[in-house]
mmCIF file of all heavy atoms, coordinates in Angstrom:
data_MODEL
# 
_entry.id   MODEL 
# 
loop_
_atom_site.group_PDB 
_atom_site.id 
_atom_site.type_symbol 
_atom_site.label_atom_id 
_atom_site.label_alt_id 
_atom_site.label_comp_id 
_atom_site.label_asym_id 
_atom_site.label_entity_id 
_atom_site.label_seq_id 
_atom_site.pdbx_PDB_ins_code 
_atom_site.Cartn_x 
_atom_site.Cartn_y 
_atom_site.Cartn_z 
_atom_site.occupancy 
_atom_site.B_iso_or_equiv 
_atom_site.pdbx_formal_charge 
_atom_site.auth_seq_id 
_atom_site.auth_comp_id 
_atom_site.auth_asym_id 
_atom_site.auth_atom_id 
_atom_site.pdbx_PDB_model_num 
ATOM 1   N N   . VAL A 1 1  ? 0.833   -1.199  0.000   1.00 0.00 ? 1  VAL A N   1 
ATOM 2   C CA  . VAL A 1 1  ? 0.000   0.000   0.000   1.00 0.00 ? 1  VAL A CA  1 
ATOM 3   C C   . VAL A 1 1  ? 0.869   1.251   0.000   1.00 0.00 ? 1  VAL A C   1 
ATOM 4   O O   . VAL A 1 1  ? 2.058   1.204   0.322   1.00 0.00 ? 1  VAL A O   1 
ATOM 5   C CB  . VAL A 1 1  ? -0.952  0.043   1.224   1.00 0.00 ? 1  VAL A CB  1 
ATOM 6   C CG1 . VAL A 1 1  ? -1.797  -1.220  1.300   1.00 0.00 ? 1  VAL A CG1 1 
ATOM 7   C CG2 . VAL A 1 1  ? -0.185  0.268   2.533   1.00 0.00 ? 1  VAL A CG2 1 
ATOM 8   N N   . ASN A 1 2  ? 0.249   2.357   -0.370  1.00 0.00 ? 2  ASN A N   1 
ATOM 9   C CA  . ASN A 1 2  ? 0.865   3.678   -0.209  1.00 0.00 ? 2  ASN A CA  1 
ATOM 10  C C   . ASN A 1 2  ? 0.212   4.312   1.003   1.00 0.00 ? 2  ASN A C   1 
ATOM 11  O O   . ASN A 1 2  ? -0.957  4.703   0.949   1.00 0.00 ? 2  ASN A O   1 
ATOM 12  C CB  . ASN A 1 2  ? 0.618   4.522   -1.457  1.00 0.00 ? 2  ASN A CB  1 
ATOM 13  C CG  . ASN A 1 2  ? 1.099   5.963   -1.282  1.00 0.00 ? 2  ASN A CG  1 
ATOM 14  O OD1 . ASN A 1 2  ? 1.699   6.316   -0.263  1.00 0.00 ? 2  ASN A OD1 1 
ATOM 15  N ND2 . ASN A 1 2  ? 0.813   6.803   -2.268  1.00 0.00 ? 2  ASN A ND2 1 
ATOM 16  N N   . PRO A 1 3  ? 0.919   4.424   2.122   1.00 0.00 ? 3  PRO A N   1 
ATOM 17  C CA  . PRO A 1 3  ? 0.286   4.946   3.339   1.00 0.00 ? 3  PRO A CA  1 
ATOM 18  C C   . PRO A 1 3  ? -0.179  6.390   3.206   1.00 0.00 ? 3  PRO A C   1 
ATOM 19  O O   . PRO A 1 3  ? -0.999  6.848   4.004   1.00 0.00 ? 3  PRO A O   1 
ATOM 20  C CB  . PRO A 1 3  ? 1.386   4.797   4.398   1.00 0.00 ? 3  PRO A CB  1 
ATOM 21  C CG  . PRO A 1 3  ? 2.668   4.747   3.627   1.00 0.00 ? 3  PRO A CG  1 
ATOM 22  C CD  . PRO A 1 3  ? 2.334   4.068   2.335   1.00 0.00 ? 3  PRO A CD  1 
ATOM 23  N N   . SER A 1 4  ? 0.325   7.089   2.192   1.00 0.00 ? 4  SER A N   1 
ATOM 24  C CA  . SER A 1 4  ? -0.075  8.490   1.984   1.00 0.00 ? 4  SER A CA  1 
ATOM 25  C C   . SER A 1 4  ? -1.076  8.643   0.846   1.00 0.00 ? 4  SER A C   1 
ATOM 26  O O   . SER A 1 4  ? -1.297  9.756   0.346   1.00 0.00 ? 4  SER A O   1 
ATOM 27  C CB  . SER A 1 4  ? 1.174   9.334   1.693   1.00 0.00 ? 4  SER A CB  1 
ATOM 28  O OG  . SER A 1 4  ? 2.108   9.257   2.749   1.00 0.00 ? 4  SER A OG  1 
ATOM 29  N N   . ALA A 1 5  ? -1.669  7.548   0.416   1.00 0.00 ? 5  ALA A N   1 
ATOM 30  C CA  . ALA A 1 5  ? -2.622  7.610   -0.701  1.00 0.00 ? 5  ALA A CA  1 
ATOM 31  C C   . ALA A 1 5  ? -3.754  8.575   -0.393  1.00 0.00 ? 5  ALA A C   1 
ATOM 32  O O   . ALA A 1 5  ? -4.339  8.529   0.692   1.00 0.00 ? 5  ALA A O   1 
ATOM 33  C CB  . ALA A 1 5  ? -3.167  6.216   -0.984  1.00 0.00 ? 5  ALA A CB  1 
ATOM 34  N N   . PRO A 1 6  ? -4.083  9.461   -1.335  1.00 0.00 ? 6  PRO A N   1 
ATOM 35  C CA  . PRO A 1 6  ? -5.181  10.400  -1.107  1.00 0.00 ? 6  PRO A CA  1 
ATOM 36  C C   . PRO A 1 6  ? -6.543  9.714   -1.202  1.00 0.00 ? 6  PRO A C   1 
ATOM 37  O O   . PRO A 1 6  ? -6.675  8.638   -1.781  1.00 0.00 ? 6  PRO A O   1 
ATOM 38  C CB  . PRO A 1 6  ? -5.007  11.414  -2.240  1.00 0.00 ? 6  PRO A CB  1 
ATOM 39  C CG  . PRO A 1 6  ? -4.344  10.634  -3.325  1.00 0.00 ? 6  PRO A CG  1 
ATOM 40  C CD  . PRO A 1 6  ? -3.437  9.655   -2.639  1.00 0.00 ? 6  PRO A CD  1 
ATOM 41  N N   . LYS A 1 7  ? -7.557  10.333  -0.634  1.00 0.00 ? 7  LYS A N   1 
ATOM 42  C CA  . LYS A 1 7  ? -8.925  9.827   -0.693  1.00 0.00 ? 7  LYS A CA  1 
ATOM 43  C C   . LYS A 1 7  ? -9.719  10.660  -1.700  1.00 0.00 ? 7  LYS A C   1 
ATOM 44  O O   . LYS A 1 7  ? -9.492  11.857  -1.868  1.00 0.00 ? 7  LYS A O   1 
ATOM 45  C CB  . LYS A 1 7  ? -9.603  9.908   0.671   1.00 0.00 ? 7  LYS A CB  1 
ATOM 46  C CG  . LYS A 1 7  ? -8.811  9.285   1.825   1.00 0.00 ? 7  LYS A CG  1 
ATOM 47  C CD  . LYS A 1 7  ? -8.655  7.788   1.685   1.00 0.00 ? 7  LYS A CD  1 
ATOM 48  C CE  . LYS A 1 7  ? -7.972  7.194   2.925   1.00 0.00 ? 7  LYS A CE  1 
ATOM 49  N NZ  . LYS A 1 7  ? -7.708  5.752   2.808   1.00 0.00 ? 7  LYS A NZ  1 
ATOM 50  N N   . GLY A 1 8  ? -10.685 10.001  -2.355  1.00 0.00 ? 8  GLY A N   1 
ATOM 51  C CA  . GLY A 1 8  ? -11.543 10.731  -3.278  1.00 0.00 ? 8  GLY A CA  1 
ATOM 52  C C   . GLY A 1 8  ? -11.885 9.913   -4.507  1.00 0.00 ? 8  GLY A C   1 
ATOM 53  O O   . GLY A 1 8  ? -11.381 8.809   -4.718  1.00 0.00 ? 8  GLY A O   1 
ATOM 54  N N   . GLY A 1 9  ? -12.729 10.470  -5.362  1.00 0.00 ? 9  GLY A N   1 
ATOM 55  C CA  . GLY A 1 9  ? -13.031 9.851   -6.645  1.00 0.00 ? 9  GLY A CA  1 
ATOM 56  C C   . GLY A 1 9  ? -13.958 8.649   -6.550  1.00 0.00 ? 9  GLY A C   1 
ATOM 57  O O   . GLY A 1 9  ? -14.355 8.210   -5.464  1.00 0.00 ? 9  GLY A O   1 
ATOM 58  N N   . THR A 1 10 ? -14.285 8.127   -7.720  1.00 0.00 ? 10 THR A N   1 
ATOM 59  C CA  . THR A 1 10 ? -15.204 6.993   -7.834  1.00 0.00 ? 10 THR A CA  1 
ATOM 60  C C   . THR A 1 10 ? -14.564 5.886   -8.661  1.00 0.00 ? 10 THR A C   1 
ATOM 61  O O   . THR A 1 10 ? -14.058 6.139   -9.756  1.00 0.00 ? 10 THR A O   1 
ATOM 62  C CB  . THR A 1 10 ? -16.517 7.431   -8.501  1.00 0.00 ? 10 THR A CB  1 
ATOM 63  O OG1 . THR A 1 10 ? -17.167 8.416   -7.686  1.00 0.00 ? 10 THR A OG1 1 
ATOM 64  C CG2 . THR A 1 10 ? -17.458 6.241   -8.687  1.00 0.00 ? 10 THR A CG2 1 
ATOM 65  N N   . LEU A 1 11 ? -14.594 4.688   -8.129  1.00 0.00 ? 11 LEU A N   1 
ATOM 66  C CA  . LEU A 1 11 ? -14.169 3.491   -8.861  1.00 0.00 ? 11 LEU A CA  1 
ATOM 67  C C   . LEU A 1 11 ? -15.423 2.799   -9.366  1.00 0.00 ? 11 LEU A C   1 
ATOM 68  O O   . LEU A 1 11 ? -16.310 2.456   -8.578  1.00 0.00 ? 11 LEU A O   1 
ATOM 69  C CB  . LEU A 1 11 ? -13.382 2.559   -7.946  1.00 0.00 ? 11 LEU A CB  1 
ATOM 70  C CG  . LEU A 1 11 ? -13.021 1.189   -8.534  1.00 0.00 ? 11 LEU A CG  1 
ATOM 71  C CD1 . LEU A 1 11 ? -12.027 1.339   -9.685  1.00 0.00 ? 11 LEU A CD1 1 
ATOM 72  C CD2 . LEU A 1 11 ? -12.452 0.272   -7.450  1.00 0.00 ? 11 LEU A CD2 1 
ATOM 73  N N   . VAL A 1 12 ? -15.504 2.604   -10.679 1.00 0.00 ? 12 VAL A N   1 
ATOM 74  C CA  . VAL A 1 12 ? -16.666 1.947   -11.276 1.00 0.00 ? 12 VAL A CA  1 
ATOM 75  C C   . VAL A 1 12 ? -16.213 0.645   -11.905 1.00 0.00 ? 12 VAL A C   1 
ATOM 76  O O   . VAL A 1 12 ? -15.298 0.629   -12.739 1.00 0.00 ? 12 VAL A O   1 
ATOM 77  C CB  . VAL A 1 12 ? -17.341 2.841   -12.335 1.00 0.00 ? 12 VAL A CB  1 
ATOM 78  C CG1 . VAL A 1 12 ? -18.647 2.195   -12.808 1.00 0.00 ? 12 VAL A CG1 1 
ATOM 79  C CG2 . VAL A 1 12 ? -17.615 4.231   -11.777 1.00 0.00 ? 12 VAL A CG2 1 
ATOM 80  N N   . MET A 1 13 ? -16.853 -0.437  -11.509 1.00 0.00 ? 13 MET A N   1 
ATOM 81  C CA  . MET A 1 13 ? -16.456 -1.767  -11.965 1.00 0.00 ? 13 MET A CA  1 
ATOM 82  C C   . MET A 1 13 ? -17.680 -2.569  -12.387 1.00 0.00 ? 13 MET A C   1 
ATOM 83  O O   . MET A 1 13 ? -18.818 -2.202  -12.081 1.00 0.00 ? 13 MET A O   1 
ATOM 84  C CB  . MET A 1 13 ? -15.747 -2.534  -10.837 1.00 0.00 ? 13 MET A CB  1 
ATOM 85  C CG  . MET A 1 13 ? -14.534 -1.856  -10.263 1.00 0.00 ? 13 MET A CG  1 
ATOM 86  S SD  . MET A 1 13 ? -13.670 -2.924  -9.059  1.00 0.00 ? 13 MET A SD  1 
ATOM 87  C CE  . MET A 1 13 ? -14.889 -2.975  -7.750  1.00 0.00 ? 13 MET A CE  1 
ATOM 88  N N   . GLU A 1 14 ? -17.404 -3.679  -13.076 1.00 0.00 ? 14 GLU A N   1 
ATOM 89  C CA  . GLU A 1 14 ? -18.428 -4.685  -13.307 1.00 0.00 ? 14 GLU A CA  1 
ATOM 90  C C   . GLU A 1 14 ? -18.511 -5.575  -12.079 1.00 0.00 ? 14 GLU A C   1 
ATOM 91  O O   . GLU A 1 14 ? -17.527 -5.734  -11.357 1.00 0.00 ? 14 GLU A O   1 
ATOM 92  C CB  . GLU A 1 14 ? -18.078 -5.536  -14.521 1.00 0.00 ? 14 GLU A CB  1 
ATOM 93  C CG  . GLU A 1 14 ? -17.971 -4.754  -15.809 1.00 0.00 ? 14 GLU A CG  1 
ATOM 94  C CD  . GLU A 1 14 ? -17.079 -5.471  -16.807 1.00 0.00 ? 14 GLU A CD  1 
ATOM 95  O OE1 . GLU A 1 14 ? -17.591 -6.385  -17.480 1.00 0.00 ? 14 GLU A OE1 1 
ATOM 96  O OE2 . GLU A 1 14 ? -15.895 -5.120  -16.902 1.00 0.00 ? 14 GLU A OE2 1 
ATOM 97  N N   . PRO A 1 15 ? -19.658 -6.209  -11.836 1.00 0.00 ? 15 PRO A N   1 
ATOM 98  C CA  . PRO A 1 15 ? -19.715 -7.197  -10.754 1.00 0.00 ? 15 PRO A CA  1 
ATOM 99  C C   . PRO A 1 15 ? -18.697 -8.301  -11.013 1.00 0.00 ? 15 PRO A C   1 
ATOM 100 O O   . PRO A 1 15 ? -18.491 -8.706  -12.154 1.00 0.00 ? 15 PRO A O   1 
ATOM 101 C CB  . PRO A 1 15 ? -21.150 -7.736  -10.845 1.00 0.00 ? 15 PRO A CB  1 
ATOM 102 C CG  . PRO A 1 15 ? -21.918 -6.661  -11.529 1.00 0.00 ? 15 PRO A CG  1 
ATOM 103 C CD  . PRO A 1 15 ? -20.949 -6.039  -12.496 1.00 0.00 ? 15 PRO A CD  1 
ATOM 104 N N   . PRO A 1 16 ? -18.034 -8.782  -9.979  1.00 0.00 ? 16 PRO A N   1 
ATOM 105 C CA  . PRO A 1 16 ? -17.068 -9.872  -10.181 1.00 0.00 ? 16 PRO A CA  1 
ATOM 106 C C   . PRO A 1 16 ? -17.773 -11.139 -10.628 1.00 0.00 ? 16 PRO A C   1 
ATOM 107 O O   . PRO A 1 16 ? -18.970 -11.309 -10.391 1.00 0.00 ? 16 PRO A O   1 
ATOM 108 C CB  . PRO A 1 16 ? -16.433 -10.034 -8.799  1.00 0.00 ? 16 PRO A CB  1 
ATOM 109 C CG  . PRO A 1 16 ? -17.438 -9.496  -7.842  1.00 0.00 ? 16 PRO A CG  1 
ATOM 110 C CD  . PRO A 1 16 ? -18.141 -8.388  -8.561  1.00 0.00 ? 16 PRO A CD  1 
ATOM 111 N N   . PRO A 1 17 ? -17.064 -12.053 -11.296 1.00 0.00 ? 17 PRO A N   1 
ATOM 112 C CA  . PRO A 1 17 ? -17.680 -13.302 -11.747 1.00 0.00 ? 17 PRO A CA  1 
ATOM 113 C C   . PRO A 1 17 ? -18.235 -14.095 -10.565 1.00 0.00 ? 17 PRO A C   1 
ATOM 114 O O   . PRO A 1 17 ? -17.726 -13.992 -9.462  1.00 0.00 ? 17 PRO A O   1 
ATOM 115 C CB  . PRO A 1 17 ? -16.529 -14.050 -12.410 1.00 0.00 ? 17 PRO A CB  1 
ATOM 116 C CG  . PRO A 1 17 ? -15.528 -12.991 -12.752 1.00 0.00 ? 17 PRO A CG  1 
ATOM 117 C CD  . PRO A 1 17 ? -15.661 -11.963 -11.675 1.00 0.00 ? 17 PRO A CD  1 
ATOM 118 N N   . PRO A 1 18 ? -19.282 -14.927 -10.757 1.00 0.00 ? 18 PRO A N   1 
ATOM 119 C CA  . PRO A 1 18 ? -19.963 -15.135 -12.029 1.00 0.00 ? 18 PRO A CA  1 
ATOM 120 C C   . PRO A 1 18 ? -20.810 -13.936 -12.397 1.00 0.00 ? 18 PRO A C   1 
ATOM 121 O O   . PRO A 1 18 ? -21.468 -13.335 -11.549 1.00 0.00 ? 18 PRO A O   1 
ATOM 122 C CB  . PRO A 1 18 ? -20.839 -16.365 -11.757 1.00 0.00 ? 18 PRO A CB  1 
ATOM 123 C CG  . PRO A 1 18 ? -21.106 -16.307 -10.292 1.00 0.00 ? 18 PRO A CG  1 
ATOM 124 C CD  . PRO A 1 18 ? -19.859 -15.739 -9.668  1.00 0.00 ? 18 PRO A CD  1 
ATOM 125 N N   . GLU A 1 19 ? -20.815 -13.572 -13.672 1.00 0.00 ? 19 GLU A N   1 
ATOM 126 C CA  . GLU A 1 19 ? -21.508 -12.390 -14.147 1.00 0.00 ? 19 GLU A CA  1 
ATOM 127 C C   . GLU A 1 19 ? -23.005 -12.491 -13.877 1.00 0.00 ? 19 GLU A C   1 
ATOM 128 O O   . GLU A 1 19 ? -23.620 -13.535 -14.045 1.00 0.00 ? 19 GLU A O   1 
ATOM 129 C CB  . GLU A 1 19 ? -21.281 -12.190 -15.645 1.00 0.00 ? 19 GLU A CB  1 
ATOM 130 C CG  . GLU A 1 19 ? -19.825 -12.073 -16.048 1.00 0.00 ? 19 GLU A CG  1 
ATOM 131 C CD  . GLU A 1 19 ? -19.202 -13.426 -16.347 1.00 0.00 ? 19 GLU A CD  1 
ATOM 132 O OE1 . GLU A 1 19 ? -19.822 -14.451 -16.011 1.00 0.00 ? 19 GLU A OE1 1 
ATOM 133 O OE2 . GLU A 1 19 ? -18.104 -13.452 -16.911 1.00 0.00 ? 19 GLU A OE2 1 
ATOM 134 N N   . LYS A 1 20 ? -23.593 -11.380 -13.431 1.00 0.00 ? 20 LYS A N   1 
ATOM 135 C CA  . LYS A 1 20 ? -25.035 -11.321 -13.208 1.00 0.00 ? 20 LYS A CA  1 
ATOM 136 C C   . LYS A 1 20 ? -25.543 -10.053 -13.870 1.00 0.00 ? 20 LYS A C   1 
ATOM 137 O O   . LYS A 1 20 ? -24.817 -9.070  -14.026 1.00 0.00 ? 20 LYS A O   1 
ATOM 138 C CB  . LYS A 1 20 ? -25.354 -11.279 -11.709 1.00 0.00 ? 20 LYS A CB  1 
ATOM 139 C CG  . LYS A 1 20 ? -24.845 -12.486 -10.916 1.00 0.00 ? 20 LYS A CG  1 
ATOM 140 C CD  . LYS A 1 20 ? -25.098 -12.282 -9.444  1.00 0.00 ? 20 LYS A CD  1 
ATOM 141 C CE  . LYS A 1 20 ? -24.567 -13.426 -8.601  1.00 0.00 ? 20 LYS A CE  1 
ATOM 142 N NZ  . LYS A 1 20 ? -24.756 -13.186 -7.153  1.00 0.00 ? 20 LYS A NZ  1 
ATOM 143 N N   . ASN A 1 21 ? -26.825 -10.066 -14.244 1.00 0.00 ? 21 ASN A N   1 
ATOM 144 C CA  . ASN A 1 21 ? -27.382 -8.853  -14.845 1.00 0.00 ? 21 ASN A CA  1 
ATOM 145 C C   . ASN A 1 21 ? -28.319 -8.118  -13.906 1.00 0.00 ? 21 ASN A C   1 
ATOM 146 O O   . ASN A 1 21 ? -28.912 -7.114  -14.278 1.00 0.00 ? 21 ASN A O   1 
ATOM 147 C CB  . ASN A 1 21 ? -28.083 -9.175  -16.168 1.00 0.00 ? 21 ASN A CB  1 
ATOM 148 C CG  . ASN A 1 21 ? -29.108 -10.285 -16.028 1.00 0.00 ? 21 ASN A CG  1 
ATOM 149 O OD1 . ASN A 1 21 ? -29.638 -10.504 -14.946 1.00 0.00 ? 21 ASN A OD1 1 
ATOM 150 N ND2 . ASN A 1 21 ? -29.374 -10.982 -17.124 1.00 0.00 ? 21 ASN A ND2 1 
ATOM 151 N N   . SER A 1 22 ? -28.465 -8.630  -12.672 1.00 0.00 ? 22 SER A N   1 
ATOM 152 C CA  . SER A 1 22 ? -29.283 -7.937  -11.697 1.00 0.00 ? 22 SER A CA  1 
ATOM 153 C C   . SER A 1 22 ? -29.077 -8.562  -10.325 1.00 0.00 ? 22 SER A C   1 
ATOM 154 O O   . SER A 1 22 ? -28.257 -9.470  -10.154 1.00 0.00 ? 22 SER A O   1 
ATOM 155 C CB  . SER A 1 22 ? -30.768 -7.985  -12.079 1.00 0.00 ? 22 SER A CB  1 
ATOM 156 O OG  . SER A 1 22 ? -31.527 -7.115  -11.231 1.00 0.00 ? 22 SER A OG  1 
ATOM 157 N N   . TYR A 1 23 ? -29.844 -8.065  -9.344  1.00 0.00 ? 23 TYR A N   1 
ATOM 158 C CA  . TYR A 1 23 ? -29.814 -8.622  -7.994  1.00 0.00 ? 23 TYR A CA  1 
ATOM 159 C C   . TYR A 1 23 ? -31.146 -8.307  -7.330  1.00 0.00 ? 23 TYR A C   1 
ATOM 160 O O   . TYR A 1 23 ? -31.891 -7.415  -7.760  1.00 0.00 ? 23 TYR A O   1 
ATOM 161 C CB  . TYR A 1 23 ? -28.658 -8.025  -7.186  1.00 0.00 ? 23 TYR A CB  1 
ATOM 162 C CG  . TYR A 1 23 ? -28.693 -6.519  -7.050  1.00 0.00 ? 23 TYR A CG  1 
ATOM 163 C CD1 . TYR A 1 23 ? -29.363 -5.896  -5.999  1.00 0.00 ? 23 TYR A CD1 1 
ATOM 164 C CD2 . TYR A 1 23 ? -28.053 -5.696  -7.987  1.00 0.00 ? 23 TYR A CD2 1 
ATOM 165 C CE1 . TYR A 1 23 ? -29.398 -4.515  -5.878  1.00 0.00 ? 23 TYR A CE1 1 
ATOM 166 C CE2 . TYR A 1 23 ? -28.082 -4.318  -7.880  1.00 0.00 ? 23 TYR A CE2 1 
ATOM 167 C CZ  . TYR A 1 23 ? -28.758 -3.731  -6.825  1.00 0.00 ? 23 TYR A CZ  1 
ATOM 168 O OH  . TYR A 1 23 ? -28.796 -2.363  -6.721  1.00 0.00 ? 23 TYR A OH  1 
ATOM 169 N N   . ASP A 1 24 ? -31.468 -9.052  -6.292  1.00 0.00 ? 24 ASP A N   1 
ATOM 170 C CA  . ASP A 1 24 ? -32.735 -8.821  -5.586  1.00 0.00 ? 24 ASP A CA  1 
ATOM 171 C C   . ASP A 1 24 ? -32.559 -8.862  -4.074  1.00 0.00 ? 24 ASP A C   1 
ATOM 172 O O   . ASP A 1 24 ? -33.525 -8.950  -3.333  1.00 0.00 ? 24 ASP A O   1 
ATOM 173 C CB  . ASP A 1 24 ? -33.803 -9.833  -6.017  1.00 0.00 ? 24 ASP A CB  1 
ATOM 174 C CG  . ASP A 1 24 ? -33.400 -11.280 -5.766  1.00 0.00 ? 24 ASP A CG  1 
ATOM 175 O OD1 . ASP A 1 24 ? -32.465 -11.513 -4.963  1.00 0.00 ? 24 ASP A OD1 1 
ATOM 176 O OD2 . ASP A 1 24 ? -34.009 -12.183 -6.367  1.00 0.00 ? 24 ASP A OD2 1 
# 
């Protein structure tokens, strides 16, 4: 890790496998 890593922003990802197209 970088102990001085700044905070902020948005990480946008796909759901991890197994792939799903929704959730309930």
